[in-house]
Protein backbone atom coordinates (compact mmCIF):
# COMPACT_ATOMS: atom_id res chain seq x y z
CA MET A 1 -73.97 3.39 27.81
CA ALA A 2 -71.32 4.39 25.28
CA ALA A 3 -69.09 1.69 23.89
CA ALA A 4 -65.58 1.64 25.27
CA GLU A 5 -62.89 2.86 22.88
CA PRO A 6 -60.50 0.10 21.74
CA LYS A 7 -57.10 0.31 23.37
CA PRO A 8 -54.04 0.25 21.11
CA PRO A 9 -51.89 -2.87 21.39
CA ALA A 10 -49.37 -2.77 24.21
CA GLY A 11 -46.54 -3.68 21.87
CA ALA A 12 -47.23 -0.75 19.51
CA ALA A 13 -47.34 1.69 22.41
CA ALA A 14 -44.11 0.31 23.80
CA ALA A 15 -42.49 0.57 20.37
CA ARG A 16 -43.53 4.20 20.09
CA ARG A 17 -42.16 4.94 23.53
CA LEU A 18 -38.91 3.19 22.63
CA ALA A 19 -38.62 5.21 19.41
CA ARG A 20 -39.23 8.47 21.29
CA SER A 21 -36.72 7.50 23.95
CA CYS A 22 -34.09 6.54 21.38
CA TRP A 23 -34.63 9.82 19.57
CA SER A 24 -34.25 11.68 22.84
CA ALA A 25 -31.14 9.68 23.78
CA PHE A 26 -29.61 10.43 20.38
CA TRP A 27 -29.12 14.04 21.44
CA ASP A 28 -27.35 13.16 24.73
CA TYR A 29 -23.89 14.59 25.20
CA GLU A 30 -20.91 12.64 26.56
CA THR A 31 -17.91 14.40 28.06
CA PRO A 32 -14.66 12.86 29.35
CA LYS A 33 -13.58 12.93 32.96
CA VAL A 34 -9.98 13.51 34.07
CA ILE A 35 -8.58 11.36 36.88
CA VAL A 36 -4.95 11.56 38.07
CA VAL A 37 -3.68 8.13 39.22
CA ARG A 38 -0.49 8.22 41.29
CA ASN A 39 1.15 4.95 40.32
CA ARG A 40 4.80 4.92 39.27
CA ARG A 41 4.69 1.62 37.35
CA LEU A 42 1.69 2.67 35.30
CA GLY A 43 3.30 6.06 34.75
CA VAL A 44 6.49 4.42 33.44
CA VAL A 45 4.47 2.38 30.95
CA TYR A 46 2.61 5.51 29.94
CA ARG A 47 5.77 7.55 29.32
CA VAL A 48 7.51 4.69 27.46
CA VAL A 49 4.54 4.37 25.10
CA GLN A 50 4.58 8.13 24.58
CA LEU A 51 8.31 8.07 23.86
CA LEU A 52 7.94 5.28 21.29
CA ILE A 53 5.15 7.15 19.54
CA LEU A 54 7.20 10.33 19.56
CA LEU A 55 10.26 8.58 18.11
CA TYR A 56 8.12 6.97 15.41
CA PHE A 57 6.72 10.28 14.25
CA VAL A 58 9.96 12.25 14.50
CA TRP A 59 12.29 9.68 12.93
CA TYR A 60 10.15 7.68 10.51
CA VAL A 61 7.26 9.96 9.57
CA PHE A 62 9.08 13.30 9.37
CA ILE A 63 12.72 12.36 8.68
CA VAL A 64 12.47 9.16 6.61
CA GLN A 65 9.11 9.64 4.88
CA LYS A 66 9.34 13.44 4.79
CA SER A 67 5.64 13.79 5.44
CA TYR A 68 5.94 17.55 5.62
CA GLN A 69 6.23 17.65 1.81
CA ASP A 70 3.64 17.77 -0.93
CA ARG A 71 4.46 14.90 -3.30
CA GLU A 72 3.97 14.00 -6.94
CA THR A 73 4.54 10.49 -8.29
CA GLY A 74 4.90 9.29 -11.87
CA PRO A 75 6.77 12.01 -13.78
CA GLU A 76 6.08 12.79 -17.40
CA SER A 77 8.91 11.11 -19.27
CA SER A 78 10.35 10.59 -22.74
CA VAL A 79 12.96 8.00 -23.76
CA ILE A 80 15.10 7.91 -26.90
CA THR A 81 17.54 5.04 -27.50
CA LYS A 82 20.29 4.44 -30.04
CA VAL A 83 22.41 1.29 -30.49
CA LYS A 84 25.83 1.19 -32.16
CA GLY A 85 28.15 -1.69 -33.08
CA ILE A 86 28.74 -4.42 -35.63
CA THR A 87 29.02 -8.18 -35.31
CA SER A 88 29.45 -11.22 -37.53
CA SER A 89 28.03 -14.71 -37.86
CA GLU A 90 29.19 -17.79 -39.76
CA HIS A 91 28.00 -16.37 -43.07
CA LYS A 92 27.96 -12.54 -42.93
CA VAL A 93 28.62 -9.28 -41.08
CA TRP A 94 25.66 -7.67 -39.30
CA ASP A 95 25.20 -3.96 -38.63
CA VAL A 96 22.70 -2.00 -36.55
CA GLU A 97 20.08 -1.84 -39.28
CA GLU A 98 19.80 -5.64 -39.27
CA TYR A 99 19.97 -6.72 -35.64
CA VAL A 100 17.96 -3.96 -33.88
CA LYS A 101 14.18 -4.36 -33.97
CA PRO A 102 12.32 -2.03 -34.19
CA PRO A 103 14.74 0.60 -35.48
CA GLU A 104 12.80 3.67 -34.25
CA GLY A 105 14.76 4.00 -31.01
CA GLY A 106 11.93 3.80 -28.50
CA SER A 107 11.91 2.69 -24.88
CA VAL A 108 11.47 -0.99 -25.87
CA PHE A 109 13.74 -2.60 -28.48
CA SER A 110 15.38 -5.94 -29.21
CA ILE A 111 18.95 -6.81 -30.11
CA ILE A 112 19.13 -10.05 -32.12
CA THR A 113 21.84 -12.43 -30.90
CA ARG A 114 20.89 -15.71 -32.65
CA ILE A 115 18.73 -16.58 -35.65
CA GLU A 116 17.29 -19.67 -37.31
CA VAL A 117 16.91 -19.01 -41.03
CA THR A 118 14.58 -20.86 -43.41
CA PRO A 119 15.57 -19.58 -46.89
CA SER A 120 13.71 -19.63 -50.22
CA GLN A 121 10.21 -20.34 -48.99
CA ALA A 122 7.56 -20.29 -51.70
CA GLN A 123 3.88 -21.17 -51.96
CA GLY A 124 3.51 -24.92 -52.64
CA THR A 125 3.04 -28.30 -50.99
CA CYS A 126 5.44 -30.02 -48.58
CA PRO A 127 5.45 -32.32 -45.50
CA GLU A 128 4.06 -30.88 -42.27
CA SER A 129 6.39 -30.43 -39.29
CA VAL A 130 6.62 -33.38 -36.88
CA ARG A 131 6.10 -30.93 -33.99
CA VAL A 132 2.49 -30.36 -35.02
CA THR A 133 -0.05 -32.53 -33.18
CA ASN A 134 -1.42 -35.48 -35.24
CA ALA A 135 0.87 -34.62 -38.14
CA THR A 136 2.55 -38.04 -38.34
CA CYS A 137 0.83 -40.66 -40.47
CA SER A 138 1.28 -44.08 -42.01
CA SER A 139 -1.16 -43.82 -44.95
CA ASP A 140 -3.41 -41.33 -46.72
CA GLU A 141 -6.36 -42.41 -44.57
CA ASP A 142 -4.69 -40.72 -41.60
CA CYS A 143 -4.78 -37.32 -43.30
CA VAL A 144 -8.05 -35.47 -43.84
CA ALA A 145 -8.10 -33.25 -46.93
CA GLY A 146 -8.93 -29.60 -46.23
CA GLU A 147 -8.23 -29.86 -42.49
CA LEU A 148 -6.59 -26.77 -41.03
CA ASP A 149 -4.58 -26.94 -37.83
CA MET A 150 -4.23 -23.53 -36.18
CA LEU A 151 -0.80 -24.53 -34.84
CA GLY A 152 0.32 -26.00 -38.16
CA ASN A 153 1.86 -24.51 -41.31
CA GLY A 154 -0.91 -24.92 -43.90
CA VAL A 155 -4.01 -26.74 -45.18
CA ARG A 156 -3.71 -30.54 -45.41
CA THR A 157 -4.04 -32.06 -48.88
CA GLY A 158 -5.02 -35.54 -47.72
CA ARG A 159 -1.72 -37.19 -48.69
CA CYS A 160 0.82 -38.89 -46.40
CA VAL A 161 4.36 -38.14 -47.66
CA PRO A 162 7.90 -38.89 -46.39
CA TYR A 163 9.44 -36.32 -44.06
CA TYR A 164 12.47 -34.19 -44.97
CA TYR A 165 14.84 -36.58 -43.20
CA GLY A 166 14.53 -39.96 -41.56
CA ALA A 167 11.99 -42.71 -42.18
CA SER A 168 8.95 -41.00 -40.69
CA LYS A 169 5.99 -39.67 -42.68
CA THR A 170 3.75 -36.64 -42.12
CA CYS A 171 0.65 -35.27 -43.74
CA GLU A 172 1.24 -33.00 -46.72
CA VAL A 173 0.20 -29.34 -46.39
CA SER A 174 -0.25 -26.47 -48.80
CA GLY A 175 1.48 -23.26 -47.69
CA TRP A 176 4.94 -21.69 -47.46
CA CYS A 177 7.34 -24.50 -48.18
CA PRO A 178 9.62 -25.89 -46.94
CA VAL A 179 8.37 -25.50 -43.36
CA GLU A 180 10.58 -24.01 -40.70
CA ASP A 181 11.75 -27.25 -39.08
CA GLY A 182 12.68 -28.86 -42.35
CA ALA A 183 15.33 -26.48 -43.71
CA SER A 184 16.32 -23.96 -40.99
CA VAL A 185 19.94 -22.94 -40.43
CA SER A 186 21.12 -21.51 -37.08
CA GLN A 187 23.49 -18.53 -36.91
CA PHE A 188 24.97 -16.96 -33.75
CA LEU A 189 25.43 -13.20 -33.67
CA GLY A 190 26.50 -12.84 -30.06
CA LYS A 191 30.25 -12.92 -30.58
CA MET A 192 30.69 -9.14 -30.54
CA ALA A 193 27.34 -8.27 -28.97
CA PRO A 194 28.69 -7.56 -25.43
CA ASN A 195 30.52 -4.54 -26.86
CA PHE A 196 27.42 -2.95 -28.38
CA THR A 197 26.80 0.50 -26.93
CA ILE A 198 23.33 1.78 -26.06
CA LEU A 199 22.54 5.46 -25.59
CA ILE A 200 19.49 5.98 -23.35
CA LYS A 201 18.36 9.60 -23.47
CA ASN A 202 15.76 10.39 -20.84
CA SER A 203 14.05 13.59 -19.73
CA ILE A 204 11.42 13.98 -17.01
CA HIS A 205 8.98 16.68 -15.96
CA TYR A 206 6.99 17.17 -12.74
CA PRO A 207 4.07 19.45 -13.75
CA LYS A 208 2.93 20.16 -10.18
CA PHE A 209 6.26 21.79 -9.33
CA GLN A 210 7.18 22.88 -12.88
CA PHE A 211 10.48 21.01 -12.63
CA SER A 212 12.27 19.39 -15.59
CA LYS A 213 15.60 17.64 -15.95
CA GLY A 214 17.43 15.22 -18.25
CA ASN A 215 20.08 12.56 -17.80
CA ILE A 216 22.64 14.03 -20.23
CA GLU A 217 25.20 16.58 -19.14
CA MET A 218 24.99 19.87 -21.01
CA ARG A 219 28.46 20.05 -22.58
CA LYS A 220 29.64 21.07 -26.04
CA ASP A 221 33.07 19.44 -26.17
CA GLY A 222 32.01 16.11 -27.66
CA TYR A 223 31.70 14.55 -24.23
CA LEU A 224 29.31 11.81 -25.32
CA LYS A 225 31.64 10.59 -28.08
CA HIS A 226 34.25 9.15 -25.75
CA CYS A 227 32.51 8.43 -22.42
CA LEU A 228 30.84 5.37 -20.91
CA PHE A 229 28.48 5.27 -17.97
CA ASP A 230 29.97 5.16 -14.48
CA GLU A 231 27.95 5.78 -11.32
CA VAL A 232 30.71 7.90 -9.78
CA SER A 233 32.62 9.68 -12.54
CA HIS A 234 30.18 9.67 -15.49
CA LEU A 235 26.67 9.67 -14.05
CA TYR A 236 25.39 11.95 -16.80
CA CYS A 237 26.87 9.89 -19.63
CA PRO A 238 24.00 7.43 -20.30
CA ILE A 239 25.94 5.22 -22.74
CA PHE A 240 25.92 1.59 -21.60
CA ARG A 241 27.67 -1.48 -22.93
CA LEU A 242 25.25 -4.36 -23.53
CA GLY A 243 27.57 -6.68 -21.61
CA PHE A 244 27.55 -4.25 -18.65
CA ILE A 245 23.73 -4.24 -18.55
CA VAL A 246 23.50 -8.05 -18.65
CA GLU A 247 26.18 -8.40 -16.00
CA ARG A 248 24.50 -5.91 -13.65
CA ALA A 249 21.26 -7.85 -14.11
CA GLY A 250 23.02 -10.96 -12.80
CA GLU A 251 22.87 -12.99 -16.02
CA ASN A 252 25.35 -14.98 -18.10
CA PHE A 253 25.68 -13.28 -21.46
CA THR A 254 26.40 -16.39 -23.57
CA GLU A 255 23.41 -18.28 -22.20
CA LEU A 256 21.14 -15.25 -22.49
CA ALA A 257 22.24 -14.65 -26.09
CA ARG A 258 21.31 -18.21 -27.11
CA THR A 259 17.89 -18.41 -25.44
CA GLY A 260 16.92 -14.74 -25.36
CA GLY A 261 15.48 -12.76 -22.47
CA VAL A 262 14.07 -9.45 -21.29
CA ILE A 263 16.24 -7.03 -19.31
CA GLY A 264 14.77 -4.00 -17.57
CA VAL A 265 16.71 -0.75 -17.27
CA ILE A 266 14.98 1.12 -14.44
CA ILE A 267 15.62 4.84 -14.09
CA ASN A 268 14.44 6.28 -10.80
CA TRP A 269 14.09 10.02 -10.23
CA ASP A 270 13.52 10.66 -6.51
CA CYS A 271 13.87 14.41 -6.07
CA ASP A 272 13.78 16.53 -2.95
CA LEU A 273 12.92 19.90 -4.43
CA ASP A 274 13.60 21.67 -1.15
CA LEU A 275 17.26 21.26 -2.15
CA SER A 276 18.97 22.51 -5.29
CA ALA A 277 18.37 20.89 -8.70
CA SER A 278 21.88 19.39 -8.64
CA ASN A 279 20.72 17.02 -5.88
CA CYS A 280 18.06 15.50 -8.14
CA ASN A 281 19.97 12.74 -9.93
CA PRO A 282 18.88 9.59 -11.78
CA LYS A 283 19.51 6.20 -10.23
CA TYR A 284 19.89 3.22 -12.57
CA SER A 285 19.14 -0.40 -11.76
CA PHE A 286 19.03 -3.50 -13.95
CA ARG A 287 17.21 -6.80 -13.60
CA ARG A 288 15.73 -9.57 -15.71
CA LEU A 289 11.99 -9.25 -16.21
CA ASP A 290 10.95 -12.51 -17.92
CA PRO A 291 10.57 -15.81 -15.95
CA LYS A 292 13.72 -17.65 -16.96
CA HIS A 293 13.01 -20.69 -14.74
CA THR A 294 9.70 -21.54 -16.43
CA PRO A 295 10.40 -24.41 -18.90
CA ALA A 296 7.23 -23.88 -20.90
CA SER A 297 8.01 -20.27 -21.86
CA SER A 298 11.62 -19.48 -21.03
CA GLY A 299 13.61 -17.12 -23.22
CA TYR A 300 12.55 -14.56 -25.78
CA ASN A 301 12.15 -14.95 -29.56
CA PHE A 302 10.09 -13.63 -32.44
CA ARG A 303 9.74 -14.22 -36.19
CA PHE A 304 9.87 -11.99 -39.22
CA ALA A 305 10.34 -12.50 -42.96
CA LYS A 306 12.10 -10.81 -45.88
CA TYR A 307 10.23 -11.00 -49.20
CA TYR A 308 11.58 -10.84 -52.73
CA LYS A 309 10.71 -12.02 -56.25
CA ILE A 310 12.52 -14.62 -58.38
CA ASN A 311 11.34 -15.03 -61.97
CA GLY A 312 8.08 -13.33 -61.14
CA SER A 313 7.23 -15.60 -58.19
CA THR A 314 7.21 -14.36 -54.61
CA THR A 315 9.64 -16.00 -52.23
CA ARG A 316 10.73 -15.17 -48.72
CA THR A 317 13.34 -15.88 -46.09
CA LEU A 318 11.81 -16.73 -42.72
CA ILE A 319 13.90 -15.75 -39.68
CA LYS A 320 13.26 -16.89 -36.13
CA ALA A 321 15.22 -14.46 -33.99
CA TYR A 322 16.43 -14.91 -30.42
CA GLY A 323 17.57 -11.76 -28.74
CA ILE A 324 17.88 -9.54 -25.70
CA ARG A 325 14.94 -7.20 -25.32
CA ILE A 326 15.62 -3.98 -23.41
CA ASP A 327 12.74 -2.30 -21.56
CA VAL A 328 13.55 1.19 -20.28
CA ILE A 329 11.27 1.93 -17.31
CA VAL A 330 11.15 5.41 -15.76
CA HIS A 331 9.53 6.19 -12.45
CA GLY A 332 10.09 8.45 -9.48
CA GLN A 333 8.57 10.99 -7.16
CA ALA A 334 9.22 14.56 -6.18
CA GLY A 335 8.51 16.32 -2.91
CA LYS A 336 8.49 19.91 -1.78
CA PHE A 337 7.59 21.57 1.52
CA SER A 338 3.92 22.44 1.86
CA LEU A 339 2.05 23.86 4.81
CA ILE A 340 -1.05 21.67 4.44
CA PRO A 341 0.59 18.19 4.79
CA THR A 342 2.81 19.61 7.54
CA ILE A 343 -0.20 20.69 9.59
CA ILE A 344 -2.06 17.43 8.93
CA ASN A 345 0.84 15.18 9.96
CA LEU A 346 1.78 17.37 12.92
CA ALA A 347 -1.81 17.23 14.16
CA THR A 348 -1.78 13.45 13.70
CA ALA A 349 1.42 13.19 15.73
CA LEU A 350 0.12 15.39 18.54
CA THR A 351 -3.19 13.53 18.59
CA SER A 352 -1.38 10.19 18.90
CA ILE A 353 0.61 11.50 21.87
CA GLY A 354 -2.08 13.59 23.53
CA VAL A 355 -5.75 14.36 22.99
CA VAL A 356 -7.00 17.94 23.25
CA ARG A 357 -10.09 18.02 25.38
CA SER A 358 -12.23 20.62 27.05
CA THR A 359 -13.07 20.24 30.75
CA ARG A 360 -15.62 21.95 32.88
CA TRP A 361 -14.23 24.84 34.89
CA GLY A 362 -16.85 27.00 36.47
CA LEU A 363 -19.19 28.50 33.92
CA GLY A 364 -16.58 28.51 31.19
CA THR A 365 -14.27 26.01 29.43
CA ARG A 366 -10.52 25.47 29.61
CA VAL A 367 -8.25 23.50 27.28
CA CYS A 368 -5.63 21.40 29.06
CA VAL A 369 -2.14 20.62 27.79
CA TRP A 370 -0.75 18.02 30.18
CA TRP A 371 2.90 17.55 29.22
CA TRP A 372 5.37 15.09 30.75
CA GLY A 373 3.58 14.64 34.04
CA VAL A 374 2.93 18.30 34.83
CA ARG A 375 -0.26 18.34 36.82
CA PRO A 376 -3.01 20.51 35.28
CA SER A 377 -3.92 23.64 37.15
CA PRO A 378 -6.36 26.50 36.51
CA HIS A 379 -3.45 28.85 35.81
CA MET A 380 -1.70 26.92 33.00
CA LEU A 381 -2.45 25.39 29.64
CA CYS A 382 -1.93 21.66 29.57
CA TRP A 383 -2.56 18.92 26.98
CA PRO A 384 -3.89 15.69 28.53
CA GLN A 385 -2.29 12.67 26.91
CA GLY A 386 -4.90 9.94 26.74
CA SER A 387 -3.63 6.40 26.37
CA PHE A 388 -5.94 3.54 25.62
CA LEU A 389 -3.27 1.03 26.68
CA CYS A 390 -2.79 2.54 30.12
CA ASP A 391 -6.53 2.89 30.71
CA TRP A 392 -6.98 -0.76 29.78
CA ILE A 393 -4.25 -1.82 32.24
CA LEU A 394 -5.69 0.44 34.91
CA LEU A 395 -9.26 -0.86 34.59
CA THR A 396 -8.37 -4.52 34.02
CA PHE A 397 -5.21 -5.63 35.81
CA MET A 398 -4.50 -3.12 38.57
CA ASN A 399 -5.46 -3.81 42.18
CA LYS A 400 -8.75 -2.20 43.19
CA ASN A 401 -9.61 -1.73 39.52
CA LYS A 402 -13.29 -1.43 40.45
CA VAL A 403 -12.46 1.60 42.56
CA TYR A 404 -10.77 3.22 39.53
CA SER A 405 -13.74 2.29 37.38
CA HIS A 406 -16.15 3.93 39.82
CA LYS A 407 -14.01 7.05 39.85
CA LYS A 408 -13.62 7.18 36.09
CA PHE A 409 -17.16 6.46 34.89
CA ASP A 410 -20.12 8.46 36.14
CA LYS A 411 -23.57 8.76 34.70
CA VAL A 412 -25.80 11.75 35.36
CA CYS A 413 -29.37 10.65 35.97
CA THR A 414 -32.59 11.89 37.43
CA PRO A 415 -33.65 10.69 40.91
CA GLN A 416 -36.61 8.79 39.48
CA HIS A 417 -37.40 7.18 36.14
CA SER A 418 -40.20 8.76 34.23
CA PRO A 419 -42.69 6.36 32.60
CA GLY A 420 -41.48 7.36 29.15
CA SER A 421 -37.73 7.03 29.80
CA TRP A 422 -35.87 4.65 27.53
CA PRO A 423 -34.73 2.14 30.27
CA VAL A 424 -38.33 1.60 31.32
CA THR A 425 -39.53 1.35 27.72
CA LEU A 426 -36.77 -1.09 26.81
CA ALA A 427 -37.59 -3.28 29.78
CA LEU A 428 -41.29 -3.35 28.83
CA VAL A 429 -40.50 -4.28 25.24
CA LEU A 430 -38.24 -7.12 26.40
CA GLY A 431 -40.93 -8.37 28.77
CA GLN A 432 -38.89 -7.67 31.91
CA ALA A 433 -39.46 -5.65 35.01
CA PRO A 434 -38.40 -2.03 34.70
CA PRO A 435 -35.08 -1.10 36.32
CA PRO A 436 -35.16 0.44 39.78
CA PRO A 437 -35.04 4.19 40.08
CA CYS A 438 -31.56 5.66 39.70
CA ALA A 439 -30.39 6.45 43.20
CA CYS A 440 -27.87 9.23 42.69
CA SER A 441 -25.47 9.83 45.53
CA THR A 442 -22.56 12.11 46.05
CA ASP A 443 -20.13 9.21 46.49
CA PRO A 444 -20.02 6.80 43.50
CA GLY A 445 -17.85 4.29 45.32
CA ARG A 446 -20.31 3.78 48.21
CA PRO A 447 -23.18 1.27 48.11
CA GLN A 448 -26.65 2.61 47.61
CA ASP A 449 -28.07 1.76 51.03
CA GLU A 450 -25.06 3.23 52.77
CA GLY A 451 -25.33 6.38 50.74
CA GLN A 452 -28.99 6.69 51.59
CA SER A 453 -28.40 6.14 55.29
CA GLN A 454 -25.62 8.69 55.30
CA ALA A 455 -27.85 11.10 53.48
CA GLN A 456 -30.52 10.65 56.14
CA ALA A 457 -28.12 10.87 59.09
CA VAL A 458 -26.04 13.79 57.94
CA PRO A 459 -27.60 17.05 56.92
CA PRO A 460 -27.06 18.04 53.32
CA SER A 461 -23.73 19.67 52.75
CA ARG A 462 -23.29 23.03 51.25
CA PRO A 463 -22.94 22.80 47.47
CA GLY A 464 -19.46 23.53 46.21
CA PRO A 465 -18.61 26.51 44.09
CA THR A 466 -19.23 26.34 40.38
CA SER A 467 -15.52 26.85 39.72
CA ALA A 468 -14.49 23.54 41.30
CA PRO A 469 -12.31 21.46 38.96
CA SER A 470 -13.66 18.27 37.36
CA GLU A 471 -10.47 16.27 37.91
CA GLN A 472 -10.09 13.76 40.71
CA MET A 473 -6.87 12.64 42.40
CA VAL A 474 -6.82 8.88 43.03
CA ASP A 475 -4.07 7.30 45.09
CA THR A 476 -3.18 3.72 44.30
CA PRO A 477 -3.49 1.01 47.00
CA ASP A 478 0.24 0.99 47.64
CA ARG A 479 -0.11 4.56 48.88
CA GLY A 480 -3.26 3.86 50.95
CA ALA A 481 -3.99 6.17 53.82
CA GLY A 482 -4.12 4.97 57.39
CA PRO A 483 -7.13 5.20 59.67
CA GLY A 484 -8.19 8.63 60.61
CA PRO A 485 -10.79 11.22 60.00
CA GLN A 486 -9.39 12.08 56.59
CA ALA A 487 -9.37 8.47 55.44
CA SER A 488 -13.03 8.01 56.29
CA ALA A 489 -14.14 11.30 54.77
CA PRO A 490 -15.95 10.92 51.44
CA PRO A 491 -14.06 12.23 48.43
CA GLN A 492 -15.08 15.54 46.99
CA GLN A 493 -17.48 15.25 44.07
CA ASP A 494 -19.27 17.59 41.74
CA SER A 495 -22.72 18.74 42.71
CA THR A 496 -24.20 16.64 39.88
CA LEU A 497 -25.93 13.33 40.63
CA THR A 498 -23.95 10.20 39.67
CA ASP A 499 -24.52 6.51 39.27
CA PRO A 500 -22.91 4.67 42.23
CA ARG A 501 -22.07 1.54 40.30
CA GLY A 502 -20.31 3.25 37.44
CA LEU A 503 -20.53 2.65 33.70
CA ALA A 504 -18.00 -0.21 33.89
CA GLN A 505 -20.52 -2.47 35.67
CA LEU A 506 -23.56 -1.62 33.49
């Protein structure tokens, strides 16, 4: 007697059946079903939502955002600046060459308004500044020779010497002496600074649209020699008074000149190239860029030195400068009509209001355009407007919502499960009994036993024509029909088999 062949494990066989069933189910096709619900309250909600969506797209998307245009942001830009004016301090008269740093005329420059001068510094030894950590001392033991403090002014010599003024002592250092705190003199240059004039020459180019423009009017009568900027009368005269810029930035000039700060001059070029070039104009705005309310780092200052020789030895004048730094910032965007973004945004708008779908109609296909409550018919194009909100209200909160669910969701199935179908396989893998065979009836809203008894009592009806529409008309409970033969007659269904419970109860 031949030995019996070993049987494969039940779990492996079930897994293979599940994999085959999932692969088969992957290629299933789902198609929507159209149901017309006659309910005025739900219809009002539906139309209001549609109207809001329509207003959003028409007003905001197309009118405000101009989504029908192809856009380019960040124009290519060049900035040239020039400052003019003179001022004076307690000791001298200052011209442009001295108070503008750097002098090249770029988009970022500083105008010095106050200085602290430490003259005649030379290489030698002197007391360290009291502001340096651990610089104070009482004897030479407190000072370590050769120690270098990165925030100090030199290398310590190991001696404790009296400070420049007062009774305190600090460690002696070797470096540029005297140090800044010991012999600095303050000078204020801001007396005439509000009347300084600043020419800001700017030109932009949008390469996508091959569009270029500048902010200076093309005139040959010496226009720039006697004009000042005005938003109404002299928009293309980009000559600004320094006091005007600080005032428009909302700052006090005297306070800003003493502590220093950073002011941004923002030039915005927003151009609608569907219009003429004269409608593309620069818009100027001014604001302070540095954090003035931060005590640890408020204001703006920098240091520089002027070197010279006296009797063959190098000396210098150290200057700590406080000033107003001007940052010219250029940005903008240009737009011009283009067919591609117009089609994309128009399709998005129409999709948000209504969804194009294909429905079964005989052996062919028709596309519906259901517009403002016009009922679809086989003789017209209509665009069905699907609304998730209204479907959710219909299937959740409306009376007889289960009836609507049964009408809306159908599942085509075979009269009997095959052993390899995925519901049976899934039930075997989970260790449960397989589901009962799918009893498909012609009325999805009727219980299974009733449908079977009716099927046995009444002879099978004649199948409808293949051109019957796939829509169903559902009256709401407030329009319920009275008793009569028509009320008890089953609703007309397609000849396909359907699940009586509906997908909503699965």
